[in-house]
Amino acid sequence: MTETRRERLNRERVLQAAVELADREGLEAVSMRALADALDVVPMALYKHVAGKEQLLDGMVDRVIAEIDAPAPGVGWRTALRARVLSARAMLTRHPWARRALETRTTRTPAVLHHLDTTIGILRSGGFPDPLTHDLMHAFGSRMWGFTQELFEAAPAPPPDPAALAALAARYPNVAAVAGVASHDEGTVVGPGCDDQREFEFALDLMLDAFARLAPGASHT
C-alpha cells in the first residue's frame, strides 16, 4: 500500500490550523502543543514558521483581519466607513475569539496598520481635516474593529424568580424599565453582554451622523 504523502508544512498552513482550532475551541485552547497535535507534527516543527505563542497570535490576527472587505471604489466616506466597520463585525462573528486577541495584542503588525491606515484614509478622502480625523478615530475606538466596550460584560445569569424581579424593579425602576424592552438576537452577539447587531448599528449610525455635522465642508454620503 502506498503511503499518503503528508502535506508540506508552511506558515500559511500553521496559521490556518490555528484559526480553525480557535474557531472550534476558543482562544484559550490554542497552544503550540495543541496546534502541533492538530497538524500531526512535533511541536518543534512549528518553530520554523512562528517563533512562539505571541507571534502565532499576531499571525492569527493578521489572517482574520485580511477578511475585512476593502472600501468599495467611488462611494462616499459614510457608506465606505459604515461598510468597513460592519465587515469587521462580520469577521468577529465568524471568529469570536478575535476580539480578545485584538485587545491583548501589543504589536502593530502590517495587517493592523493597513486596517488603521485605510480607515483613516476614508475620512481624509471625505474631506475631514487631519486634526479632526485624529479626534474622530479616538472617538471611534474599538468600533473600527467591529466591537465596543460594553457597560455590562458579565455573561447573562439565569432569570431570577418573579418575586426577586419585582423587588429589583421596585428598587431600581429605571434599570428595570429599560432592560425590560431589550431584545437580543443571540446569533449576532460578539462576546458577552448586550451588544447585538441592531444596537451596534444604531450606535454606529449615531456616530456617523455626528461626524458629518462636525465637518460641514465634507461630503455627507
N, C-alpha and C. Protein backbone atom coordinates (compact mmCIF):
# COMPACT_ATOMS: atom_id res chain seq x y z
N MET A 1 0.84 -1.19 0.00
CA MET A 1 0.00 0.00 0.00
C MET A 1 0.88 1.25 0.00
N THR A 2 0.56 2.18 -0.88
CA THR A 2 1.34 3.41 -0.98
C THR A 2 0.93 4.37 0.13
N GLU A 3 1.93 4.86 0.86
CA GLU A 3 1.64 5.78 1.96
C GLU A 3 1.24 7.14 1.40
N THR A 4 0.17 7.74 1.94
CA THR A 4 -0.26 9.07 1.52
C THR A 4 0.80 10.09 1.89
N ARG A 5 1.19 10.91 0.93
CA ARG A 5 2.22 11.91 1.18
C ARG A 5 1.67 13.02 2.06
N ARG A 6 2.38 13.33 3.14
CA ARG A 6 1.94 14.36 4.08
C ARG A 6 2.08 15.74 3.45
N GLU A 7 1.06 16.58 3.63
CA GLU A 7 1.09 17.94 3.09
C GLU A 7 2.23 18.72 3.75
N ARG A 8 2.96 19.46 2.92
CA ARG A 8 4.11 20.21 3.40
C ARG A 8 3.67 21.30 4.38
N LEU A 9 4.38 21.40 5.49
CA LEU A 9 4.07 22.41 6.48
C LEU A 9 4.67 23.75 6.08
N ASN A 10 3.86 24.81 6.16
CA ASN A 10 4.36 26.16 5.90
C ASN A 10 3.62 27.12 6.84
N ARG A 11 4.01 28.39 6.79
CA ARG A 11 3.42 29.36 7.73
C ARG A 11 1.92 29.51 7.51
N GLU A 12 1.48 29.55 6.26
CA GLU A 12 0.06 29.72 5.99
C GLU A 12 -0.76 28.56 6.54
N ARG A 13 -0.23 27.36 6.40
CA ARG A 13 -0.95 26.19 6.91
C ARG A 13 -0.99 26.21 8.43
N VAL A 14 0.09 26.63 9.06
CA VAL A 14 0.14 26.73 10.52
C VAL A 14 -0.90 27.73 11.02
N LEU A 15 -0.94 28.91 10.39
CA LEU A 15 -1.88 29.95 10.83
C LEU A 15 -3.33 29.53 10.58
N GLN A 16 -3.58 28.90 9.44
CA GLN A 16 -4.94 28.45 9.15
C GLN A 16 -5.40 27.42 10.17
N ALA A 17 -4.51 26.49 10.52
CA ALA A 17 -4.87 25.48 11.51
C ALA A 17 -5.12 26.12 12.88
N ALA A 18 -4.34 27.15 13.22
CA ALA A 18 -4.52 27.83 14.49
C ALA A 18 -5.86 28.56 14.54
N VAL A 19 -6.22 29.21 13.45
CA VAL A 19 -7.51 29.89 13.37
C VAL A 19 -8.65 28.88 13.50
N GLU A 20 -8.55 27.78 12.82
CA GLU A 20 -9.59 26.75 12.89
C GLU A 20 -9.70 26.17 14.30
N LEU A 21 -8.56 26.00 14.97
CA LEU A 21 -8.58 25.49 16.34
C LEU A 21 -9.28 26.49 17.26
N ALA A 22 -8.96 27.77 17.11
CA ALA A 22 -9.61 28.80 17.94
C ALA A 22 -11.09 28.89 17.62
N ASP A 23 -11.47 28.76 16.36
CA ASP A 23 -12.89 28.78 15.98
C ASP A 23 -13.65 27.64 16.66
N ARG A 24 -13.02 26.48 16.74
CA ARG A 24 -13.69 25.31 17.31
C ARG A 24 -13.72 25.35 18.83
N GLU A 25 -12.61 25.73 19.44
CA GLU A 25 -12.45 25.52 20.88
C GLU A 25 -12.17 26.78 21.69
N GLY A 26 -12.00 27.91 21.02
CA GLY A 26 -11.74 29.14 21.73
C GLY A 26 -10.25 29.45 21.80
N LEU A 27 -9.94 30.71 22.08
CA LEU A 27 -8.55 31.16 22.08
C LEU A 27 -7.73 30.46 23.17
N GLU A 28 -8.35 30.16 24.30
CA GLU A 28 -7.62 29.53 25.40
C GLU A 28 -7.12 28.14 25.03
N ALA A 29 -7.71 27.53 24.02
CA ALA A 29 -7.29 26.19 23.60
C ALA A 29 -6.06 26.21 22.70
N VAL A 30 -5.68 27.38 22.22
CA VAL A 30 -4.57 27.48 21.28
C VAL A 30 -3.24 27.49 22.04
N SER A 31 -2.44 26.47 21.80
CA SER A 31 -1.08 26.39 22.32
C SER A 31 -0.22 25.75 21.25
N MET A 32 1.06 25.86 21.38
CA MET A 32 1.94 25.26 20.38
C MET A 32 1.75 23.74 20.36
N ARG A 33 1.58 23.15 21.53
CA ARG A 33 1.40 21.70 21.58
C ARG A 33 0.07 21.28 20.96
N ALA A 34 -1.01 21.99 21.31
CA ALA A 34 -2.32 21.65 20.75
C ALA A 34 -2.33 21.82 19.24
N LEU A 35 -1.66 22.87 18.77
CA LEU A 35 -1.60 23.11 17.33
C LEU A 35 -0.79 22.02 16.64
N ALA A 36 0.31 21.62 17.26
CA ALA A 36 1.11 20.53 16.70
C ALA A 36 0.30 19.25 16.61
N ASP A 37 -0.51 18.98 17.63
CA ASP A 37 -1.37 17.78 17.60
C ASP A 37 -2.37 17.88 16.46
N ALA A 38 -2.95 19.08 16.26
CA ALA A 38 -3.93 19.25 15.19
C ALA A 38 -3.31 19.05 13.82
N LEU A 39 -2.06 19.41 13.69
CA LEU A 39 -1.36 19.27 12.40
C LEU A 39 -0.62 17.94 12.27
N ASP A 40 -0.65 17.16 13.35
CA ASP A 40 0.03 15.85 13.38
C ASP A 40 1.53 16.02 13.11
N VAL A 41 2.14 16.97 13.83
CA VAL A 41 3.59 17.18 13.76
C VAL A 41 4.11 17.32 15.18
N VAL A 42 5.43 17.27 15.33
CA VAL A 42 6.02 17.53 16.64
C VAL A 42 6.03 19.03 16.87
N PRO A 43 5.89 19.49 18.13
CA PRO A 43 5.85 20.93 18.39
C PRO A 43 7.02 21.70 17.82
N MET A 44 8.22 21.12 17.84
CA MET A 44 9.39 21.85 17.34
C MET A 44 9.27 22.20 15.86
N ALA A 45 8.46 21.45 15.12
CA ALA A 45 8.30 21.75 13.69
C ALA A 45 7.62 23.09 13.46
N LEU A 46 6.82 23.53 14.43
CA LEU A 46 6.11 24.81 14.28
C LEU A 46 7.05 26.00 14.39
N TYR A 47 8.13 25.84 15.13
CA TYR A 47 9.02 26.97 15.38
C TYR A 47 9.82 27.39 14.15
N LYS A 48 9.77 26.61 13.11
CA LYS A 48 10.37 27.04 11.84
C LYS A 48 9.51 28.10 11.16
N HIS A 49 8.25 28.21 11.59
CA HIS A 49 7.29 29.09 10.91
C HIS A 49 6.77 30.21 11.81
N VAL A 50 6.71 29.97 13.12
CA VAL A 50 6.35 31.01 14.09
C VAL A 50 7.30 30.87 15.28
N ALA A 51 7.76 32.01 15.80
CA ALA A 51 8.79 31.98 16.84
C ALA A 51 8.24 31.53 18.19
N GLY A 52 6.92 31.60 18.37
CA GLY A 52 6.32 31.22 19.64
C GLY A 52 4.87 31.62 19.68
N LYS A 53 4.26 31.51 20.86
CA LYS A 53 2.83 31.74 21.01
C LYS A 53 2.44 33.17 20.62
N GLU A 54 3.20 34.17 21.04
CA GLU A 54 2.84 35.55 20.74
C GLU A 54 2.88 35.83 19.24
N GLN A 55 3.90 35.34 18.57
CA GLN A 55 3.96 35.53 17.12
C GLN A 55 2.85 34.76 16.42
N LEU A 56 2.49 33.63 16.97
CA LEU A 56 1.37 32.86 16.42
C LEU A 56 0.08 33.66 16.51
N LEU A 57 -0.18 34.27 17.67
CA LEU A 57 -1.39 35.06 17.85
C LEU A 57 -1.40 36.27 16.92
N ASP A 58 -0.23 36.92 16.76
CA ASP A 58 -0.15 38.04 15.82
C ASP A 58 -0.51 37.58 14.41
N GLY A 59 0.00 36.44 14.02
CA GLY A 59 -0.30 35.92 12.69
C GLY A 59 -1.76 35.55 12.52
N MET A 60 -2.38 35.01 13.56
CA MET A 60 -3.80 34.68 13.51
C MET A 60 -4.64 35.94 13.34
N VAL A 61 -4.28 37.00 14.09
CA VAL A 61 -4.99 38.27 13.97
C VAL A 61 -4.85 38.82 12.56
N ASP A 62 -3.65 38.80 12.02
CA ASP A 62 -3.45 39.28 10.65
C ASP A 62 -4.30 38.50 9.65
N ARG A 63 -4.38 37.21 9.88
CA ARG A 63 -5.12 36.37 8.92
C ARG A 63 -6.61 36.71 8.91
N VAL A 64 -7.20 36.94 10.08
CA VAL A 64 -8.64 37.23 10.10
C VAL A 64 -8.91 38.69 9.71
N ILE A 65 -8.00 39.60 10.01
CA ILE A 65 -8.17 40.98 9.57
C ILE A 65 -8.22 41.06 8.06
N ALA A 66 -7.49 40.17 7.40
CA ALA A 66 -7.49 40.14 5.93
C ALA A 66 -8.87 39.82 5.37
N GLU A 67 -9.78 39.31 6.19
CA GLU A 67 -11.14 39.01 5.74
C GLU A 67 -12.02 40.26 5.67
N ILE A 68 -11.58 41.37 6.27
CA ILE A 68 -12.38 42.59 6.25
C ILE A 68 -12.37 43.17 4.85
N ASP A 69 -13.55 43.48 4.33
CA ASP A 69 -13.68 43.97 2.95
C ASP A 69 -12.98 45.32 2.77
N ALA A 70 -12.33 45.47 1.64
CA ALA A 70 -11.75 46.76 1.27
C ALA A 70 -12.88 47.73 0.92
N PRO A 71 -12.66 49.03 1.11
CA PRO A 71 -13.69 50.00 0.74
C PRO A 71 -14.04 49.91 -0.75
N ALA A 72 -15.31 49.98 -1.06
CA ALA A 72 -15.74 49.95 -2.45
C ALA A 72 -15.32 51.26 -3.14
N PRO A 73 -14.83 51.20 -4.35
CA PRO A 73 -14.44 52.43 -5.03
C PRO A 73 -15.64 53.28 -5.41
N GLY A 74 -15.46 54.60 -5.37
CA GLY A 74 -16.48 55.51 -5.87
C GLY A 74 -17.65 55.76 -4.96
N VAL A 75 -17.55 55.37 -3.68
CA VAL A 75 -18.65 55.64 -2.76
C VAL A 75 -18.21 56.72 -1.77
N GLY A 76 -19.16 57.37 -1.12
CA GLY A 76 -18.85 58.42 -0.16
C GLY A 76 -18.24 57.88 1.11
N TRP A 77 -17.69 58.79 1.92
CA TRP A 77 -16.98 58.37 3.13
C TRP A 77 -17.89 57.63 4.09
N ARG A 78 -19.13 58.09 4.23
CA ARG A 78 -20.02 57.45 5.20
C ARG A 78 -20.35 56.02 4.79
N THR A 79 -20.69 55.84 3.52
CA THR A 79 -21.00 54.50 3.03
C THR A 79 -19.80 53.58 3.18
N ALA A 80 -18.63 54.09 2.81
CA ALA A 80 -17.41 53.28 2.88
C ALA A 80 -17.05 52.92 4.31
N LEU A 81 -17.15 53.89 5.21
CA LEU A 81 -16.77 53.64 6.61
C LEU A 81 -17.76 52.68 7.28
N ARG A 82 -19.03 52.89 7.01
CA ARG A 82 -20.04 52.00 7.60
C ARG A 82 -19.85 50.56 7.12
N ALA A 83 -19.61 50.40 5.82
CA ALA A 83 -19.43 49.06 5.27
C ALA A 83 -18.18 48.40 5.84
N ARG A 84 -17.12 49.17 6.02
CA ARG A 84 -15.88 48.59 6.54
C ARG A 84 -16.04 48.14 7.98
N VAL A 85 -16.71 48.95 8.79
CA VAL A 85 -16.93 48.58 10.19
C VAL A 85 -17.82 47.35 10.29
N LEU A 86 -18.88 47.30 9.49
CA LEU A 86 -19.77 46.14 9.56
C LEU A 86 -19.11 44.88 9.00
N SER A 87 -18.19 45.04 8.06
CA SER A 87 -17.43 43.89 7.59
C SER A 87 -16.51 43.38 8.69
N ALA A 88 -15.91 44.30 9.46
CA ALA A 88 -15.09 43.90 10.60
C ALA A 88 -15.94 43.15 11.62
N ARG A 89 -17.15 43.62 11.84
CA ARG A 89 -18.03 42.95 12.80
C ARG A 89 -18.43 41.56 12.30
N ALA A 90 -18.67 41.44 11.02
CA ALA A 90 -19.00 40.12 10.47
C ALA A 90 -17.82 39.16 10.65
N MET A 91 -16.60 39.67 10.51
CA MET A 91 -15.41 38.84 10.75
C MET A 91 -15.39 38.35 12.18
N LEU A 92 -15.70 39.24 13.15
CA LEU A 92 -15.70 38.83 14.55
C LEU A 92 -16.81 37.83 14.85
N THR A 93 -17.92 37.92 14.13
CA THR A 93 -18.98 36.93 14.32
C THR A 93 -18.51 35.55 13.87
N ARG A 94 -17.71 35.52 12.81
CA ARG A 94 -17.14 34.24 12.34
C ARG A 94 -16.05 33.74 13.28
N HIS A 95 -15.32 34.66 13.88
CA HIS A 95 -14.18 34.31 14.74
C HIS A 95 -14.32 35.05 16.08
N PRO A 96 -15.21 34.63 16.97
CA PRO A 96 -15.46 35.39 18.21
C PRO A 96 -14.22 35.56 19.07
N TRP A 97 -13.27 34.66 19.00
CA TRP A 97 -12.04 34.74 19.78
C TRP A 97 -11.18 35.94 19.38
N ALA A 98 -11.39 36.47 18.17
CA ALA A 98 -10.51 37.52 17.65
C ALA A 98 -10.64 38.81 18.45
N ARG A 99 -11.81 39.05 19.04
CA ARG A 99 -11.95 40.26 19.86
C ARG A 99 -10.93 40.26 20.99
N ARG A 100 -10.87 39.17 21.74
CA ARG A 100 -9.92 39.09 22.84
C ARG A 100 -8.49 39.19 22.35
N ALA A 101 -8.21 38.55 21.22
CA ALA A 101 -6.85 38.60 20.68
C ALA A 101 -6.47 40.03 20.30
N LEU A 102 -7.40 40.75 19.68
CA LEU A 102 -7.14 42.15 19.31
C LEU A 102 -6.88 43.01 20.53
N GLU A 103 -7.63 42.76 21.59
CA GLU A 103 -7.49 43.56 22.81
C GLU A 103 -6.15 43.33 23.51
N THR A 104 -5.55 42.18 23.30
CA THR A 104 -4.32 41.85 24.01
C THR A 104 -3.06 42.01 23.18
N ARG A 105 -3.19 42.30 21.88
CA ARG A 105 -2.01 42.43 21.03
C ARG A 105 -1.30 43.76 21.31
N THR A 106 0.01 43.71 21.40
CA THR A 106 0.81 44.92 21.58
C THR A 106 1.64 45.26 20.34
N THR A 107 1.70 44.33 19.40
CA THR A 107 2.47 44.56 18.17
C THR A 107 1.55 45.09 17.07
N ARG A 108 1.95 46.21 16.47
CA ARG A 108 1.20 46.74 15.33
C ARG A 108 1.71 46.07 14.06
N THR A 109 1.09 44.97 13.71
CA THR A 109 1.51 44.20 12.55
C THR A 109 1.09 44.92 11.26
N PRO A 110 1.64 44.52 10.11
CA PRO A 110 1.25 45.16 8.85
C PRO A 110 -0.25 45.14 8.59
N ALA A 111 -0.93 44.05 8.92
CA ALA A 111 -2.38 43.99 8.68
C ALA A 111 -3.12 44.96 9.59
N VAL A 112 -2.69 45.07 10.85
CA VAL A 112 -3.31 46.02 11.78
C VAL A 112 -3.10 47.44 11.27
N LEU A 113 -1.88 47.76 10.88
CA LEU A 113 -1.58 49.10 10.38
C LEU A 113 -2.32 49.40 9.09
N HIS A 114 -2.48 48.39 8.23
CA HIS A 114 -3.21 48.60 6.97
C HIS A 114 -4.67 48.92 7.25
N HIS A 115 -5.28 48.20 8.18
CA HIS A 115 -6.68 48.47 8.51
C HIS A 115 -6.82 49.88 9.09
N LEU A 116 -5.92 50.25 9.97
CA LEU A 116 -5.93 51.58 10.56
C LEU A 116 -5.73 52.65 9.48
N ASP A 117 -4.76 52.42 8.60
CA ASP A 117 -4.45 53.39 7.56
C ASP A 117 -5.63 53.56 6.59
N THR A 118 -6.26 52.45 6.23
CA THR A 118 -7.38 52.50 5.30
C THR A 118 -8.57 53.23 5.92
N THR A 119 -8.84 52.97 7.20
CA THR A 119 -9.95 53.64 7.87
C THR A 119 -9.72 55.14 7.96
N ILE A 120 -8.50 55.52 8.33
CA ILE A 120 -8.16 56.94 8.36
C ILE A 120 -8.28 57.54 6.96
N GLY A 121 -7.83 56.81 5.97
CA GLY A 121 -7.88 57.29 4.59
C GLY A 121 -9.30 57.57 4.12
N ILE A 122 -10.28 56.79 4.58
CA ILE A 122 -11.68 57.03 4.22
C ILE A 122 -12.10 58.43 4.70
N LEU A 123 -11.75 58.76 5.93
CA LEU A 123 -12.12 60.07 6.47
C LEU A 123 -11.38 61.20 5.76
N ARG A 124 -10.09 61.04 5.55
CA ARG A 124 -9.31 62.10 4.90
C ARG A 124 -9.79 62.33 3.47
N SER A 125 -10.10 61.24 2.76
CA SER A 125 -10.60 61.38 1.39
C SER A 125 -11.98 62.02 1.36
N GLY A 126 -12.72 61.90 2.47
CA GLY A 126 -14.04 62.51 2.54
C GLY A 126 -14.02 63.98 2.88
N GLY A 127 -12.83 64.53 3.08
CA GLY A 127 -12.73 65.96 3.33
C GLY A 127 -12.49 66.35 4.78
N PHE A 128 -12.31 65.37 5.65
CA PHE A 128 -12.06 65.69 7.06
C PHE A 128 -10.61 66.13 7.24
N PRO A 129 -10.38 67.27 7.89
CA PRO A 129 -9.01 67.70 8.15
C PRO A 129 -8.31 66.76 9.14
N ASP A 130 -7.00 66.73 9.07
CA ASP A 130 -6.24 65.79 9.89
C ASP A 130 -6.49 65.93 11.39
N PRO A 131 -6.53 67.14 11.97
CA PRO A 131 -6.78 67.22 13.41
C PRO A 131 -8.14 66.64 13.81
N LEU A 132 -9.16 66.89 12.98
CA LEU A 132 -10.49 66.34 13.27
C LEU A 132 -10.49 64.83 13.08
N THR A 133 -9.81 64.36 12.04
CA THR A 133 -9.71 62.91 11.82
C THR A 133 -9.07 62.23 13.02
N HIS A 134 -8.04 62.83 13.57
CA HIS A 134 -7.39 62.30 14.76
C HIS A 134 -8.38 62.14 15.90
N ASP A 135 -9.18 63.17 16.15
CA ASP A 135 -10.17 63.12 17.23
C ASP A 135 -11.26 62.10 16.95
N LEU A 136 -11.69 62.00 15.69
CA LEU A 136 -12.75 61.05 15.34
C LEU A 136 -12.28 59.61 15.51
N MET A 137 -11.03 59.35 15.20
CA MET A 137 -10.51 57.98 15.37
C MET A 137 -10.48 57.61 16.85
N HIS A 138 -10.16 58.57 17.71
CA HIS A 138 -10.21 58.29 19.15
C HIS A 138 -11.66 58.02 19.59
N ALA A 139 -12.59 58.79 19.05
CA ALA A 139 -14.00 58.58 19.39
C ALA A 139 -14.48 57.22 18.90
N PHE A 140 -14.01 56.82 17.74
CA PHE A 140 -14.41 55.54 17.16
C PHE A 140 -13.92 54.36 18.01
N GLY A 141 -12.68 54.46 18.47
CA GLY A 141 -12.11 53.43 19.33
C GLY A 141 -12.20 52.03 18.74
N SER A 142 -12.62 51.08 19.56
CA SER A 142 -12.67 49.68 19.13
C SER A 142 -13.75 49.43 18.09
N ARG A 143 -14.64 50.40 17.86
CA ARG A 143 -15.70 50.20 16.87
C ARG A 143 -15.12 49.94 15.48
N MET A 144 -13.95 50.49 15.21
CA MET A 144 -13.35 50.25 13.89
C MET A 144 -12.99 48.78 13.68
N TRP A 145 -12.90 48.03 14.80
CA TRP A 145 -12.63 46.60 14.71
C TRP A 145 -13.91 45.78 14.79
N GLY A 146 -15.06 46.44 14.92
CA GLY A 146 -16.32 45.72 14.90
C GLY A 146 -16.90 45.37 16.25
N PHE A 147 -16.33 45.93 17.33
CA PHE A 147 -16.91 45.67 18.64
C PHE A 147 -16.80 46.93 19.49
N THR A 148 -17.52 46.92 20.61
CA THR A 148 -17.47 48.03 21.55
C THR A 148 -17.25 47.50 22.95
N GLN A 149 -16.72 48.36 23.80
CA GLN A 149 -16.59 48.01 25.21
C GLN A 149 -17.94 48.27 25.87
N GLU A 150 -18.64 47.21 26.19
CA GLU A 150 -19.99 47.35 26.73
C GLU A 150 -19.97 47.67 28.23
N LEU A 151 -21.06 48.28 28.68
CA LEU A 151 -21.16 48.66 30.08
C LEU A 151 -21.20 47.44 30.99
N PHE A 152 -21.92 46.41 30.57
CA PHE A 152 -22.03 45.19 31.36
C PHE A 152 -21.47 44.03 30.55
N GLU A 153 -20.37 43.44 31.02
CA GLU A 153 -19.70 42.37 30.27
C GLU A 153 -19.99 40.97 30.81
N ALA A 154 -20.64 40.89 31.96
CA ALA A 154 -20.86 39.58 32.56
C ALA A 154 -21.79 38.74 31.70
N ALA A 155 -21.56 37.45 31.69
CA ALA A 155 -22.46 36.54 30.98
C ALA A 155 -23.83 36.58 31.63
N PRO A 156 -24.90 36.44 30.84
CA PRO A 156 -26.25 36.52 31.43
C PRO A 156 -26.48 35.44 32.47
N ALA A 157 -27.06 35.83 33.58
CA ALA A 157 -27.35 34.89 34.66
C ALA A 157 -28.72 34.28 34.44
N PRO A 158 -28.99 33.15 35.09
CA PRO A 158 -30.34 32.57 34.99
C PRO A 158 -31.37 33.57 35.49
N PRO A 159 -32.55 33.61 34.89
CA PRO A 159 -33.56 34.59 35.33
C PRO A 159 -33.97 34.34 36.77
N PRO A 160 -34.05 35.42 37.58
CA PRO A 160 -34.49 35.24 38.97
C PRO A 160 -35.98 34.96 39.02
N ASP A 161 -36.45 34.58 40.19
CA ASP A 161 -37.88 34.29 40.34
C ASP A 161 -38.67 35.60 40.27
N PRO A 162 -39.96 35.52 39.97
CA PRO A 162 -40.79 36.73 39.82
C PRO A 162 -40.73 37.67 41.01
N ALA A 163 -40.67 37.12 42.22
CA ALA A 163 -40.63 37.97 43.40
C ALA A 163 -39.35 38.79 43.43
N ALA A 164 -38.23 38.16 43.05
CA ALA A 164 -36.96 38.86 43.02
C ALA A 164 -36.97 39.93 41.95
N LEU A 165 -37.58 39.63 40.82
CA LEU A 165 -37.68 40.63 39.74
C LEU A 165 -38.51 41.83 40.19
N ALA A 166 -39.61 41.56 40.89
CA ALA A 166 -40.46 42.64 41.36
C ALA A 166 -39.73 43.51 42.37
N ALA A 167 -38.95 42.88 43.24
CA ALA A 167 -38.18 43.63 44.23
C ALA A 167 -37.12 44.48 43.56
N LEU A 168 -36.49 43.92 42.54
CA LEU A 168 -35.47 44.65 41.79
C LEU A 168 -36.08 45.86 41.10
N ALA A 169 -37.23 45.66 40.48
CA ALA A 169 -37.90 46.76 39.77
C ALA A 169 -38.34 47.85 40.72
N ALA A 170 -38.76 47.46 41.93
CA ALA A 170 -39.19 48.47 42.90
C ALA A 170 -38.03 49.33 43.37
N ARG A 171 -36.86 48.71 43.48
CA ARG A 171 -35.69 49.45 43.98
C ARG A 171 -34.99 50.22 42.87
N TYR A 172 -34.94 49.63 41.67
CA TYR A 172 -34.25 50.24 40.54
C TYR A 172 -35.20 50.33 39.35
N PRO A 173 -36.20 51.20 39.42
CA PRO A 173 -37.25 51.22 38.39
C PRO A 173 -36.74 51.60 37.00
N ASN A 174 -35.76 52.47 36.91
CA ASN A 174 -35.27 52.89 35.60
C ASN A 174 -34.51 51.78 34.90
N VAL A 175 -33.68 51.07 35.67
CA VAL A 175 -32.96 49.92 35.09
C VAL A 175 -33.95 48.88 34.61
N ALA A 176 -34.96 48.58 35.43
CA ALA A 176 -35.94 47.56 35.07
C ALA A 176 -36.73 47.96 33.83
N ALA A 177 -37.09 49.24 33.72
CA ALA A 177 -37.88 49.70 32.58
C ALA A 177 -37.11 49.56 31.28
N VAL A 178 -35.84 49.96 31.29
CA VAL A 178 -35.04 49.91 30.07
C VAL A 178 -34.67 48.47 29.72
N ALA A 179 -34.28 47.70 30.73
CA ALA A 179 -33.90 46.31 30.47
C ALA A 179 -35.08 45.50 29.96
N GLY A 180 -36.28 45.86 30.40
CA GLY A 180 -37.46 45.10 30.02
C GLY A 180 -37.84 45.21 28.56
N VAL A 181 -37.38 46.26 27.87
CA VAL A 181 -37.74 46.43 26.47
C VAL A 181 -36.66 45.90 25.53
N ALA A 182 -35.53 45.45 26.09
CA ALA A 182 -34.42 44.98 25.25
C ALA A 182 -34.76 43.65 24.62
N SER A 183 -34.33 43.50 23.38
CA SER A 183 -34.49 42.23 22.66
C SER A 183 -33.20 41.94 21.94
N HIS A 184 -32.64 40.75 22.13
CA HIS A 184 -31.34 40.44 21.58
C HIS A 184 -31.39 39.16 20.74
N ASP A 185 -30.71 39.22 19.61
CA ASP A 185 -30.56 38.06 18.76
C ASP A 185 -29.23 37.42 19.11
N GLU A 186 -29.27 36.28 19.80
CA GLU A 186 -28.04 35.67 20.28
C GLU A 186 -27.08 35.32 19.15
N GLY A 187 -27.61 35.13 17.95
CA GLY A 187 -26.75 34.78 16.82
C GLY A 187 -25.85 35.90 16.36
N THR A 188 -26.11 37.14 16.79
CA THR A 188 -25.30 38.26 16.32
C THR A 188 -24.34 38.77 17.39
N VAL A 189 -24.34 38.18 18.56
CA VAL A 189 -23.54 38.70 19.66
C VAL A 189 -22.07 38.38 19.44
N VAL A 190 -21.23 39.41 19.61
CA VAL A 190 -19.78 39.23 19.56
C VAL A 190 -19.28 39.40 20.99
N GLY A 191 -19.05 38.30 21.68
CA GLY A 191 -18.66 38.38 23.07
C GLY A 191 -19.89 38.53 23.95
N PRO A 192 -19.70 38.49 25.27
CA PRO A 192 -20.82 38.56 26.20
C PRO A 192 -21.37 39.97 26.33
N GLY A 193 -22.56 40.06 26.91
CA GLY A 193 -23.14 41.38 27.17
C GLY A 193 -24.17 41.77 26.13
N CYS A 194 -24.80 42.93 26.33
CA CYS A 194 -25.81 43.44 25.42
C CYS A 194 -25.14 44.15 24.26
N ASP A 195 -24.88 43.44 23.21
CA ASP A 195 -24.14 44.03 22.10
C ASP A 195 -24.55 43.34 20.80
N ASP A 196 -25.84 43.34 20.50
CA ASP A 196 -26.26 42.65 19.29
C ASP A 196 -26.17 43.59 18.09
N GLN A 197 -26.49 43.05 16.92
CA GLN A 197 -26.25 43.78 15.68
C GLN A 197 -27.05 45.08 15.60
N ARG A 198 -28.31 45.05 15.99
CA ARG A 198 -29.13 46.25 15.90
C ARG A 198 -28.57 47.36 16.77
N GLU A 199 -28.18 47.02 18.00
CA GLU A 199 -27.62 48.02 18.90
C GLU A 199 -26.30 48.58 18.35
N PHE A 200 -25.49 47.70 17.79
CA PHE A 200 -24.21 48.13 17.24
C PHE A 200 -24.43 49.11 16.09
N GLU A 201 -25.33 48.76 15.17
CA GLU A 201 -25.57 49.62 14.03
C GLU A 201 -26.24 50.93 14.43
N PHE A 202 -27.10 50.88 15.44
CA PHE A 202 -27.74 52.10 15.93
C PHE A 202 -26.68 53.10 16.42
N ALA A 203 -25.76 52.62 17.25
CA ALA A 203 -24.71 53.49 17.77
C ALA A 203 -23.75 53.93 16.66
N LEU A 204 -23.47 53.04 15.73
CA LEU A 204 -22.59 53.40 14.60
C LEU A 204 -23.20 54.53 13.79
N ASP A 205 -24.48 54.45 13.49
CA ASP A 205 -25.14 55.49 12.71
C ASP A 205 -25.19 56.82 13.46
N LEU A 206 -25.39 56.77 14.78
CA LEU A 206 -25.34 58.00 15.58
C LEU A 206 -23.98 58.67 15.45
N MET A 207 -22.92 57.87 15.51
CA MET A 207 -21.58 58.43 15.41
C MET A 207 -21.32 59.01 14.03
N LEU A 208 -21.76 58.32 12.99
CA LEU A 208 -21.55 58.82 11.63
C LEU A 208 -22.33 60.12 11.41
N ASP A 209 -23.53 60.21 11.96
CA ASP A 209 -24.29 61.47 11.89
C ASP A 209 -23.51 62.61 12.55
N ALA A 210 -22.93 62.31 13.72
CA ALA A 210 -22.16 63.33 14.43
C ALA A 210 -20.91 63.71 13.65
N PHE A 211 -20.25 62.73 13.05
CA PHE A 211 -19.06 63.02 12.25
C PHE A 211 -19.40 64.01 11.14
N ALA A 212 -20.53 63.77 10.47
CA ALA A 212 -20.93 64.63 9.35
C ALA A 212 -21.19 66.06 9.82
N ARG A 213 -21.81 66.19 10.98
CA ARG A 213 -22.10 67.53 11.49
C ARG A 213 -20.84 68.28 11.90
N LEU A 214 -19.81 67.57 12.29
CA LEU A 214 -18.56 68.21 12.72
C LEU A 214 -17.72 68.70 11.56
N ALA A 215 -18.05 68.27 10.36
CA ALA A 215 -17.27 68.69 9.20
C ALA A 215 -18.22 69.21 8.13
N PRO A 216 -18.71 70.43 8.28
CA PRO A 216 -19.70 70.96 7.33
C PRO A 216 -19.22 70.97 5.88
N GLY A 217 -17.91 71.06 5.68
CA GLY A 217 -17.40 71.09 4.32
C GLY A 217 -17.18 69.71 3.71
N ALA A 218 -17.35 68.67 4.51
CA ALA A 218 -17.09 67.31 4.00
C ALA A 218 -18.32 66.77 3.29
N SER A 219 -18.09 65.82 2.40
CA SER A 219 -19.20 65.13 1.77
C SER A 219 -19.94 64.31 2.81
N HIS A 220 -21.27 64.32 2.80
CA HIS A 220 -22.05 63.64 3.84
C HIS A 220 -22.59 62.31 3.38
N THR A 221 -22.10 61.75 2.31
CA THR A 221 -22.64 60.48 1.81
C THR A 221 -21.81 59.32 2.26
